[in-house]
N, C-alpha and C. Protein backbone atom coordinates (compact mmCIF):
# COMPACT_ATOMS: atom_id res chain seq x y z
N MET A 1 28.76 -41.89 -52.55
CA MET A 1 27.78 -42.83 -52.03
C MET A 1 28.07 -43.16 -50.56
N ARG A 2 29.33 -43.41 -50.24
CA ARG A 2 29.70 -43.76 -48.87
C ARG A 2 29.44 -42.57 -47.94
N LYS A 3 29.73 -41.36 -48.43
CA LYS A 3 29.50 -40.15 -47.63
C LYS A 3 28.01 -39.99 -47.32
N THR A 4 27.15 -40.23 -48.30
CA THR A 4 25.70 -40.15 -48.11
C THR A 4 25.24 -41.17 -47.08
N PHE A 5 25.76 -42.38 -47.18
CA PHE A 5 25.41 -43.42 -46.22
C PHE A 5 25.81 -43.02 -44.80
N LEU A 6 27.01 -42.48 -44.62
CA LEU A 6 27.47 -42.07 -43.31
C LEU A 6 26.63 -40.93 -42.75
N ILE A 7 26.25 -39.99 -43.59
CA ILE A 7 25.40 -38.88 -43.15
C ILE A 7 24.05 -39.41 -42.69
N LEU A 8 23.45 -40.30 -43.46
CA LEU A 8 22.17 -40.89 -43.08
C LEU A 8 22.28 -41.68 -41.79
N LEU A 9 23.38 -42.40 -41.63
CA LEU A 9 23.59 -43.18 -40.41
C LEU A 9 23.70 -42.26 -39.19
N VAL A 10 24.44 -41.18 -39.30
CA VAL A 10 24.59 -40.23 -38.20
C VAL A 10 23.26 -39.57 -37.88
N LEU A 11 22.52 -39.14 -38.90
CA LEU A 11 21.21 -38.53 -38.68
C LEU A 11 20.26 -39.49 -37.99
N ASN A 12 20.34 -40.75 -38.35
CA ASN A 12 19.49 -41.76 -37.71
C ASN A 12 19.78 -41.86 -36.22
N PHE A 13 21.04 -41.78 -35.83
CA PHE A 13 21.41 -41.90 -34.42
C PHE A 13 21.04 -40.67 -33.60
N ILE A 14 21.07 -39.49 -34.20
CA ILE A 14 20.82 -38.29 -33.40
C ILE A 14 19.37 -37.82 -33.44
N SER A 15 18.57 -38.39 -34.28
CA SER A 15 17.17 -37.97 -34.34
C SER A 15 16.30 -38.90 -33.52
N CYS A 16 15.06 -38.47 -33.24
CA CYS A 16 14.11 -39.35 -32.58
C CYS A 16 13.80 -40.48 -33.54
N SER A 17 13.62 -41.66 -33.00
CA SER A 17 13.33 -42.79 -33.87
C SER A 17 12.13 -43.55 -33.34
N SER A 18 11.53 -44.29 -34.22
CA SER A 18 10.41 -45.14 -33.84
C SER A 18 10.62 -46.47 -34.54
N SER A 19 10.60 -47.53 -33.78
CA SER A 19 10.78 -48.84 -34.39
C SER A 19 9.95 -49.86 -33.63
N LYS A 20 9.61 -50.92 -34.29
CA LYS A 20 8.81 -51.98 -33.67
C LYS A 20 9.74 -52.86 -32.85
N VAL A 21 9.34 -53.14 -31.64
CA VAL A 21 10.09 -54.01 -30.76
C VAL A 21 9.18 -55.17 -30.40
N GLY A 22 9.58 -56.38 -30.72
CA GLY A 22 8.72 -57.53 -30.47
C GLY A 22 7.47 -57.46 -31.32
N ASN A 23 6.41 -58.11 -30.87
CA ASN A 23 5.17 -58.14 -31.62
C ASN A 23 4.19 -57.06 -31.20
N ASN A 24 4.38 -56.50 -30.00
CA ASN A 24 3.33 -55.62 -29.49
C ASN A 24 3.85 -54.33 -28.88
N GLU A 25 5.05 -53.94 -29.18
CA GLU A 25 5.62 -52.79 -28.52
C GLU A 25 6.26 -51.86 -29.54
N ILE A 26 5.93 -50.59 -29.46
CA ILE A 26 6.57 -49.58 -30.31
C ILE A 26 7.42 -48.74 -29.38
N LYS A 27 8.69 -48.64 -29.66
CA LYS A 27 9.61 -47.93 -28.78
C LYS A 27 10.05 -46.64 -29.44
N MET A 28 10.00 -45.55 -28.69
CA MET A 28 10.42 -44.26 -29.19
C MET A 28 11.49 -43.71 -28.26
N LYS A 29 12.66 -43.43 -28.78
CA LYS A 29 13.72 -42.83 -27.99
C LYS A 29 13.56 -41.33 -28.05
N THR A 30 13.62 -40.70 -26.89
CA THR A 30 13.54 -39.24 -26.83
C THR A 30 14.66 -38.75 -25.94
N ASN A 31 14.86 -37.46 -25.89
CA ASN A 31 15.88 -36.90 -25.03
C ASN A 31 15.49 -36.98 -23.56
N PHE A 32 14.20 -37.04 -23.26
CA PHE A 32 13.72 -37.02 -21.88
C PHE A 32 13.70 -38.41 -21.27
N GLU A 33 13.12 -39.33 -21.94
CA GLU A 33 12.98 -40.69 -21.43
C GLU A 33 12.50 -41.58 -22.56
N ASP A 34 12.57 -42.86 -22.32
CA ASP A 34 12.07 -43.81 -23.31
C ASP A 34 10.56 -43.92 -23.14
N LEU A 35 9.87 -43.96 -24.25
CA LEU A 35 8.42 -44.15 -24.27
C LEU A 35 8.13 -45.41 -25.05
N ASN A 36 7.21 -46.18 -24.56
CA ASN A 36 6.76 -47.36 -25.29
C ASN A 36 5.25 -47.34 -25.35
N ILE A 37 4.72 -47.71 -26.49
CA ILE A 37 3.30 -48.01 -26.56
C ILE A 37 3.22 -49.53 -26.57
N VAL A 38 2.56 -50.05 -25.55
CA VAL A 38 2.52 -51.50 -25.35
C VAL A 38 1.08 -51.97 -25.41
N LYS A 39 0.83 -52.95 -26.24
CA LYS A 39 -0.48 -53.59 -26.28
C LYS A 39 -0.52 -54.58 -25.13
N THR A 40 -1.43 -54.34 -24.21
CA THR A 40 -1.49 -55.11 -22.97
C THR A 40 -2.77 -55.92 -22.93
N SER A 41 -2.66 -57.15 -22.49
CA SER A 41 -3.83 -58.01 -22.29
C SER A 41 -3.92 -58.36 -20.82
N LYS A 42 -5.08 -58.19 -20.27
CA LYS A 42 -5.32 -58.52 -18.87
C LYS A 42 -6.65 -59.23 -18.74
N VAL A 43 -6.74 -60.10 -17.74
CA VAL A 43 -8.01 -60.74 -17.42
C VAL A 43 -8.63 -59.95 -16.28
N VAL A 44 -9.82 -59.41 -16.52
CA VAL A 44 -10.54 -58.64 -15.53
C VAL A 44 -11.93 -59.25 -15.41
N ASN A 45 -12.27 -59.73 -14.21
CA ASN A 45 -13.56 -60.38 -13.97
C ASN A 45 -13.83 -61.48 -14.99
N SER A 46 -12.86 -62.32 -15.23
CA SER A 46 -12.88 -63.46 -16.14
C SER A 46 -13.02 -63.08 -17.63
N ASP A 47 -12.94 -61.78 -17.95
CA ASP A 47 -12.92 -61.34 -19.34
C ASP A 47 -11.52 -60.89 -19.70
N SER A 48 -11.06 -61.26 -20.88
CA SER A 48 -9.76 -60.82 -21.36
C SER A 48 -9.95 -59.52 -22.14
N ILE A 49 -9.22 -58.50 -21.71
CA ILE A 49 -9.29 -57.22 -22.41
C ILE A 49 -7.90 -56.88 -22.94
N THR A 50 -7.88 -56.21 -24.08
CA THR A 50 -6.63 -55.77 -24.69
C THR A 50 -6.73 -54.27 -24.91
N PHE A 51 -5.68 -53.57 -24.53
CA PHE A 51 -5.65 -52.11 -24.67
C PHE A 51 -4.20 -51.68 -24.81
N ASN A 52 -4.02 -50.44 -25.20
CA ASN A 52 -2.68 -49.87 -25.36
C ASN A 52 -2.35 -48.97 -24.19
N GLU A 53 -1.09 -48.98 -23.82
CA GLU A 53 -0.60 -48.10 -22.77
C GLU A 53 0.59 -47.31 -23.31
N LEU A 54 0.66 -46.06 -22.91
CA LEU A 54 1.85 -45.25 -23.14
C LEU A 54 2.68 -45.38 -21.88
N ARG A 55 3.82 -46.07 -21.98
CA ARG A 55 4.66 -46.31 -20.81
C ARG A 55 5.86 -45.38 -20.82
N PHE A 56 6.11 -44.79 -19.67
CA PHE A 56 7.25 -43.91 -19.47
C PHE A 56 8.27 -44.65 -18.62
N TYR A 57 9.49 -44.79 -19.14
CA TYR A 57 10.59 -45.41 -18.41
C TYR A 57 11.56 -44.31 -17.99
N LYS A 58 12.57 -44.65 -17.24
CA LYS A 58 13.53 -43.68 -16.70
C LYS A 58 12.78 -42.61 -15.94
N ILE A 59 11.96 -43.05 -15.02
CA ILE A 59 11.11 -42.18 -14.22
C ILE A 59 11.61 -42.15 -12.79
N ASP A 60 11.04 -41.25 -12.01
CA ASP A 60 11.37 -41.19 -10.59
C ASP A 60 10.49 -42.13 -9.78
N SER A 61 9.26 -42.32 -10.21
CA SER A 61 8.30 -43.15 -9.48
C SER A 61 7.27 -43.73 -10.44
N ALA A 62 6.74 -44.89 -10.09
CA ALA A 62 5.64 -45.48 -10.86
C ALA A 62 4.40 -44.59 -10.81
N LEU A 63 4.39 -43.65 -9.89
CA LEU A 63 3.25 -42.75 -9.73
C LEU A 63 3.41 -41.45 -10.53
N ASP A 64 4.43 -41.34 -11.35
CA ASP A 64 4.70 -40.09 -12.06
C ASP A 64 3.59 -39.66 -13.02
N THR A 65 2.92 -40.61 -13.67
CA THR A 65 1.82 -40.21 -14.54
C THR A 65 0.64 -39.70 -13.71
N MET A 66 0.43 -40.29 -12.54
CA MET A 66 -0.61 -39.80 -11.63
C MET A 66 -0.27 -38.39 -11.15
N LYS A 67 0.98 -38.19 -10.81
CA LYS A 67 1.44 -36.87 -10.37
C LYS A 67 1.18 -35.83 -11.45
N SER A 68 1.56 -36.14 -12.67
CA SER A 68 1.39 -35.19 -13.77
C SER A 68 -0.09 -34.90 -14.04
N MET A 69 -0.91 -35.94 -14.03
CA MET A 69 -2.35 -35.74 -14.23
C MET A 69 -2.94 -34.91 -13.11
N TYR A 70 -2.56 -35.20 -11.88
CA TYR A 70 -3.07 -34.45 -10.72
C TYR A 70 -2.67 -32.98 -10.82
N LEU A 71 -1.43 -32.70 -11.17
CA LEU A 71 -0.98 -31.31 -11.27
C LEU A 71 -1.71 -30.56 -12.38
N ASP A 72 -2.03 -31.24 -13.47
CA ASP A 72 -2.66 -30.57 -14.62
C ASP A 72 -4.19 -30.61 -14.62
N TYR A 73 -4.79 -31.65 -14.01
CA TYR A 73 -6.24 -31.83 -14.12
C TYR A 73 -6.94 -32.00 -12.77
N GLY A 74 -6.20 -31.95 -11.68
CA GLY A 74 -6.81 -32.05 -10.37
C GLY A 74 -7.06 -33.47 -9.93
N ILE A 75 -7.91 -33.59 -8.92
CA ILE A 75 -8.20 -34.89 -8.31
C ILE A 75 -8.90 -35.81 -9.32
N TRP A 76 -8.62 -37.06 -9.24
CA TRP A 76 -9.19 -38.07 -10.14
C TRP A 76 -10.66 -38.32 -9.79
N ASP A 77 -11.39 -38.91 -10.74
CA ASP A 77 -12.81 -39.20 -10.55
C ASP A 77 -13.06 -40.56 -9.93
N ASP A 78 -12.13 -41.49 -10.13
CA ASP A 78 -12.33 -42.85 -9.64
C ASP A 78 -10.96 -43.50 -9.50
N GLN A 79 -10.92 -44.60 -8.77
CA GLN A 79 -9.71 -45.40 -8.69
C GLN A 79 -10.09 -46.86 -8.59
N LYS A 80 -9.25 -47.69 -9.15
CA LYS A 80 -9.46 -49.14 -9.16
C LYS A 80 -8.13 -49.80 -8.80
N THR A 81 -8.19 -51.05 -8.43
CA THR A 81 -6.97 -51.80 -8.14
C THR A 81 -6.06 -51.76 -9.36
N GLY A 82 -4.78 -51.54 -9.13
CA GLY A 82 -3.82 -51.47 -10.22
C GLY A 82 -3.76 -52.75 -11.03
N LEU A 83 -3.54 -52.61 -12.31
CA LEU A 83 -3.43 -53.79 -13.18
C LEU A 83 -2.04 -54.40 -13.14
N HIS A 84 -1.04 -53.60 -12.81
CA HIS A 84 0.34 -54.09 -12.86
C HIS A 84 0.88 -54.42 -11.48
N GLN A 85 0.34 -53.76 -10.47
CA GLN A 85 0.82 -53.96 -9.12
C GLN A 85 -0.35 -53.66 -8.18
N LYS A 86 -0.71 -54.62 -7.36
CA LYS A 86 -1.92 -54.50 -6.54
C LYS A 86 -1.85 -53.40 -5.49
N ASN A 87 -0.66 -53.01 -5.06
CA ASN A 87 -0.56 -51.96 -4.05
C ASN A 87 -0.43 -50.55 -4.65
N ILE A 88 -0.63 -50.44 -5.94
CA ILE A 88 -0.71 -49.13 -6.62
C ILE A 88 -2.05 -49.08 -7.33
N ASP A 89 -2.98 -48.29 -6.78
CA ASP A 89 -4.28 -48.13 -7.44
C ASP A 89 -4.13 -47.27 -8.69
N ARG A 90 -4.79 -47.67 -9.76
CA ARG A 90 -4.82 -46.82 -10.95
C ARG A 90 -5.84 -45.72 -10.71
N LYS A 91 -5.54 -44.55 -11.19
CA LYS A 91 -6.40 -43.38 -11.03
C LYS A 91 -7.04 -43.08 -12.38
N ILE A 92 -8.32 -42.68 -12.33
CA ILE A 92 -9.10 -42.49 -13.55
C ILE A 92 -9.67 -41.07 -13.57
N TRP A 93 -9.34 -40.34 -14.64
CA TRP A 93 -9.92 -39.01 -14.87
C TRP A 93 -10.90 -39.14 -16.03
N GLU A 94 -12.12 -38.68 -15.83
CA GLU A 94 -13.15 -38.79 -16.86
C GLU A 94 -13.55 -37.41 -17.37
N ASN A 95 -13.97 -37.37 -18.63
CA ASN A 95 -14.44 -36.14 -19.28
C ASN A 95 -13.43 -35.01 -19.18
N ILE A 96 -12.18 -35.33 -19.50
CA ILE A 96 -11.09 -34.37 -19.47
C ILE A 96 -10.91 -33.78 -20.87
N LYS A 97 -10.84 -32.46 -20.95
CA LYS A 97 -10.53 -31.79 -22.22
C LYS A 97 -9.02 -31.69 -22.34
N LEU A 98 -8.46 -32.40 -23.29
CA LEU A 98 -7.02 -32.35 -23.50
C LEU A 98 -6.64 -31.25 -24.47
N PHE A 99 -7.57 -30.90 -25.37
CA PHE A 99 -7.30 -29.91 -26.41
C PHE A 99 -8.50 -28.99 -26.54
N GLU A 100 -8.34 -27.93 -27.30
CA GLU A 100 -9.47 -27.04 -27.59
C GLU A 100 -10.54 -27.82 -28.33
N GLY A 101 -11.79 -27.48 -28.10
CA GLY A 101 -12.89 -28.17 -28.76
C GLY A 101 -13.75 -28.88 -27.75
N ASP A 102 -14.70 -29.65 -28.27
CA ASP A 102 -15.68 -30.31 -27.41
C ASP A 102 -15.28 -31.72 -26.99
N GLU A 103 -14.30 -32.33 -27.64
CA GLU A 103 -13.93 -33.71 -27.35
C GLU A 103 -13.40 -33.85 -25.93
N VAL A 104 -13.91 -34.87 -25.24
CA VAL A 104 -13.43 -35.18 -23.89
C VAL A 104 -12.85 -36.60 -23.89
N TYR A 105 -11.98 -36.84 -22.94
CA TYR A 105 -11.25 -38.10 -22.88
C TYR A 105 -11.31 -38.68 -21.48
N THR A 106 -11.11 -39.98 -21.40
CA THR A 106 -10.90 -40.66 -20.13
C THR A 106 -9.43 -41.07 -20.11
N VAL A 107 -8.77 -40.72 -19.02
CA VAL A 107 -7.34 -41.02 -18.87
C VAL A 107 -7.16 -41.87 -17.62
N ILE A 108 -6.45 -42.98 -17.79
CA ILE A 108 -6.17 -43.89 -16.67
C ILE A 108 -4.66 -43.93 -16.46
N ALA A 109 -4.25 -43.61 -15.24
CA ALA A 109 -2.83 -43.62 -14.88
C ALA A 109 -2.55 -44.83 -13.99
N ASP A 110 -1.47 -45.51 -14.27
CA ASP A 110 -1.09 -46.71 -13.53
C ASP A 110 0.44 -46.79 -13.54
N GLY A 111 0.98 -47.84 -13.02
CA GLY A 111 2.43 -48.01 -13.04
C GLY A 111 2.86 -49.19 -12.22
N THR A 112 4.16 -49.46 -12.24
CA THR A 112 4.72 -50.54 -11.45
C THR A 112 6.16 -50.25 -11.09
N GLU A 113 6.54 -50.71 -9.93
CA GLU A 113 7.93 -50.66 -9.46
C GLU A 113 8.24 -52.01 -8.84
N THR A 114 8.77 -52.89 -9.64
CA THR A 114 9.15 -54.21 -9.15
C THR A 114 10.61 -54.46 -9.50
N LYS A 115 11.09 -55.62 -9.12
CA LYS A 115 12.46 -55.99 -9.44
C LYS A 115 12.66 -56.08 -10.97
N ASP A 116 11.61 -56.46 -11.68
CA ASP A 116 11.71 -56.68 -13.13
C ASP A 116 11.27 -55.49 -13.97
N ASP A 117 10.35 -54.68 -13.46
CA ASP A 117 9.79 -53.57 -14.24
C ASP A 117 9.74 -52.30 -13.40
N HIS A 118 9.85 -51.17 -14.07
CA HIS A 118 9.76 -49.86 -13.43
C HIS A 118 9.28 -48.87 -14.47
N TYR A 119 7.98 -48.57 -14.46
CA TYR A 119 7.43 -47.61 -15.41
C TYR A 119 6.15 -47.01 -14.85
N ALA A 120 5.79 -45.86 -15.40
CA ALA A 120 4.50 -45.22 -15.16
C ALA A 120 3.78 -45.23 -16.50
N CYS A 121 2.46 -45.39 -16.50
CA CYS A 121 1.78 -45.55 -17.79
C CYS A 121 0.42 -44.85 -17.80
N LEU A 122 -0.04 -44.60 -19.01
CA LEU A 122 -1.34 -44.00 -19.26
C LEU A 122 -2.07 -44.78 -20.33
N SER A 123 -3.38 -44.90 -20.15
CA SER A 123 -4.28 -45.37 -21.21
C SER A 123 -5.26 -44.22 -21.44
N VAL A 124 -5.59 -43.95 -22.69
CA VAL A 124 -6.45 -42.81 -23.01
C VAL A 124 -7.54 -43.27 -23.98
N TYR A 125 -8.78 -42.87 -23.67
CA TYR A 125 -9.93 -43.22 -24.50
C TYR A 125 -10.69 -41.96 -24.86
N ASP A 126 -11.17 -41.89 -26.11
CA ASP A 126 -11.95 -40.73 -26.51
C ASP A 126 -13.40 -40.88 -26.05
N SER A 127 -14.23 -39.91 -26.37
CA SER A 127 -15.63 -39.92 -25.88
C SER A 127 -16.45 -41.07 -26.45
N LYS A 128 -15.97 -41.71 -27.51
CA LYS A 128 -16.65 -42.87 -28.08
C LYS A 128 -16.10 -44.18 -27.52
N GLY A 129 -15.16 -44.07 -26.55
CA GLY A 129 -14.57 -45.25 -25.94
C GLY A 129 -13.47 -45.88 -26.75
N LYS A 130 -12.99 -45.18 -27.79
CA LYS A 130 -11.93 -45.73 -28.63
C LYS A 130 -10.56 -45.48 -28.00
N ASP A 131 -9.73 -46.49 -28.06
CA ASP A 131 -8.36 -46.45 -27.55
C ASP A 131 -7.55 -45.44 -28.37
N CYS A 132 -7.09 -44.38 -27.75
CA CYS A 132 -6.40 -43.31 -28.47
C CYS A 132 -4.98 -43.69 -28.89
N PHE A 133 -4.46 -44.82 -28.41
CA PHE A 133 -3.13 -45.25 -28.81
C PHE A 133 -3.17 -46.35 -29.86
N GLU A 134 -4.37 -46.63 -30.39
CA GLU A 134 -4.46 -47.54 -31.54
C GLU A 134 -3.76 -46.88 -32.73
N GLU A 135 -3.20 -47.69 -33.57
CA GLU A 135 -2.36 -47.20 -34.67
C GLU A 135 -3.05 -46.14 -35.52
N ASN A 136 -4.34 -46.29 -35.82
CA ASN A 136 -5.01 -45.38 -36.74
C ASN A 136 -5.84 -44.30 -36.05
N HIS A 137 -5.72 -44.15 -34.74
CA HIS A 137 -6.49 -43.10 -34.08
C HIS A 137 -5.98 -41.74 -34.55
N PRO A 138 -6.88 -40.83 -34.96
CA PRO A 138 -6.44 -39.55 -35.55
C PRO A 138 -5.64 -38.64 -34.60
N PHE A 139 -5.77 -38.82 -33.30
CA PHE A 139 -5.06 -37.95 -32.35
C PHE A 139 -3.95 -38.66 -31.59
N LYS A 140 -3.59 -39.86 -32.03
CA LYS A 140 -2.58 -40.64 -31.33
C LYS A 140 -1.30 -39.85 -31.08
N ASN A 141 -0.69 -39.34 -32.12
CA ASN A 141 0.59 -38.64 -31.97
C ASN A 141 0.44 -37.34 -31.20
N LYS A 142 -0.66 -36.65 -31.40
CA LYS A 142 -0.91 -35.41 -30.67
C LYS A 142 -1.02 -35.68 -29.16
N ILE A 143 -1.68 -36.77 -28.80
CA ILE A 143 -1.83 -37.14 -27.39
C ILE A 143 -0.48 -37.59 -26.80
N ILE A 144 0.28 -38.35 -27.55
CA ILE A 144 1.62 -38.76 -27.09
C ILE A 144 2.46 -37.52 -26.82
N ASN A 145 2.47 -36.59 -27.76
CA ASN A 145 3.26 -35.36 -27.60
C ASN A 145 2.78 -34.53 -26.42
N LEU A 146 1.47 -34.46 -26.22
CA LEU A 146 0.92 -33.72 -25.10
C LEU A 146 1.43 -34.29 -23.78
N PHE A 147 1.29 -35.60 -23.59
CA PHE A 147 1.69 -36.19 -22.31
C PHE A 147 3.20 -36.24 -22.14
N TYR A 148 3.92 -36.38 -23.21
CA TYR A 148 5.38 -36.29 -23.13
C TYR A 148 5.78 -34.92 -22.59
N GLY A 149 5.17 -33.87 -23.13
CA GLY A 149 5.47 -32.51 -22.68
C GLY A 149 5.06 -32.28 -21.24
N LYS A 150 3.90 -32.78 -20.86
CA LYS A 150 3.41 -32.61 -19.48
C LYS A 150 4.32 -33.36 -18.49
N MET A 151 4.73 -34.56 -18.84
CA MET A 151 5.62 -35.32 -17.97
C MET A 151 6.96 -34.59 -17.81
N LYS A 152 7.46 -34.05 -18.89
CA LYS A 152 8.73 -33.32 -18.85
C LYS A 152 8.59 -32.06 -17.99
N GLU A 153 7.51 -31.33 -18.19
CA GLU A 153 7.26 -30.09 -17.45
C GLU A 153 7.07 -30.35 -15.96
N ASN A 154 6.39 -31.41 -15.61
CA ASN A 154 6.05 -31.69 -14.21
C ASN A 154 7.11 -32.50 -13.46
N ARG A 155 8.09 -32.99 -14.15
CA ARG A 155 9.07 -33.88 -13.53
C ARG A 155 9.75 -33.24 -12.32
N SER A 156 10.13 -31.99 -12.40
CA SER A 156 10.87 -31.36 -11.31
C SER A 156 9.97 -30.80 -10.21
N LYS A 157 8.67 -30.81 -10.43
CA LYS A 157 7.74 -30.29 -9.42
C LYS A 157 7.61 -31.28 -8.28
N LYS A 158 7.54 -30.74 -7.08
CA LYS A 158 7.44 -31.58 -5.89
C LYS A 158 5.97 -31.81 -5.53
N ILE A 159 5.70 -33.00 -5.01
CA ILE A 159 4.35 -33.36 -4.60
C ILE A 159 4.46 -34.41 -3.50
N ASN A 160 3.48 -34.45 -2.64
CA ASN A 160 3.44 -35.47 -1.60
C ASN A 160 2.77 -36.71 -2.20
N TYR A 161 3.56 -37.72 -2.51
CA TYR A 161 3.05 -38.92 -3.18
C TYR A 161 2.05 -39.71 -2.33
N SER A 162 1.98 -39.41 -1.03
CA SER A 162 1.08 -40.18 -0.17
C SER A 162 -0.39 -40.00 -0.57
N ILE A 163 -0.73 -38.94 -1.31
CA ILE A 163 -2.11 -38.77 -1.75
C ILE A 163 -2.55 -39.88 -2.70
N PHE A 164 -1.60 -40.57 -3.31
CA PHE A 164 -1.90 -41.64 -4.27
C PHE A 164 -1.94 -43.02 -3.64
N LYS A 165 -1.66 -43.12 -2.37
CA LYS A 165 -1.57 -44.42 -1.71
C LYS A 165 -2.91 -45.16 -1.75
N VAL A 166 -2.81 -46.48 -1.75
CA VAL A 166 -3.99 -47.35 -1.74
C VAL A 166 -4.74 -47.12 -0.44
N LYS A 167 -6.06 -46.99 -0.55
CA LYS A 167 -6.89 -46.76 0.65
C LYS A 167 -7.68 -47.98 1.00
């Protein structure tokens, strides 16, 4: 019995894990970086909105999700003032095919680099406007795995970050 417990304990430490952190954060440890899905509430034009973000920590820049999206999908369709930091505009890609088939997605890249926080993040919505990081979305894990792989693949690629600067 003790041997079984020790084996399970060791397997738990060396495998990827997913656990609830706080009331609104799911943390996943990976070999590349920590990923969190965070339920975020923001007031925009006096309306309170709640959405999920896939946050990448242990990054080189708050602009890393923008870099990865730009390398894989080209120039963004729109940009808005950043939700986390006003001097980092969030970039928006619309009608992006992430997988084979007809489904298209809207992907919003944002991030922050402050004394207290340092992450790059993505929000993803399907063609019906549904938050793809909601717990029961059918492609949630597939989308997380896709962007995890893209971030890992693009991490060592060089880019001139000035293209993302606030205009």
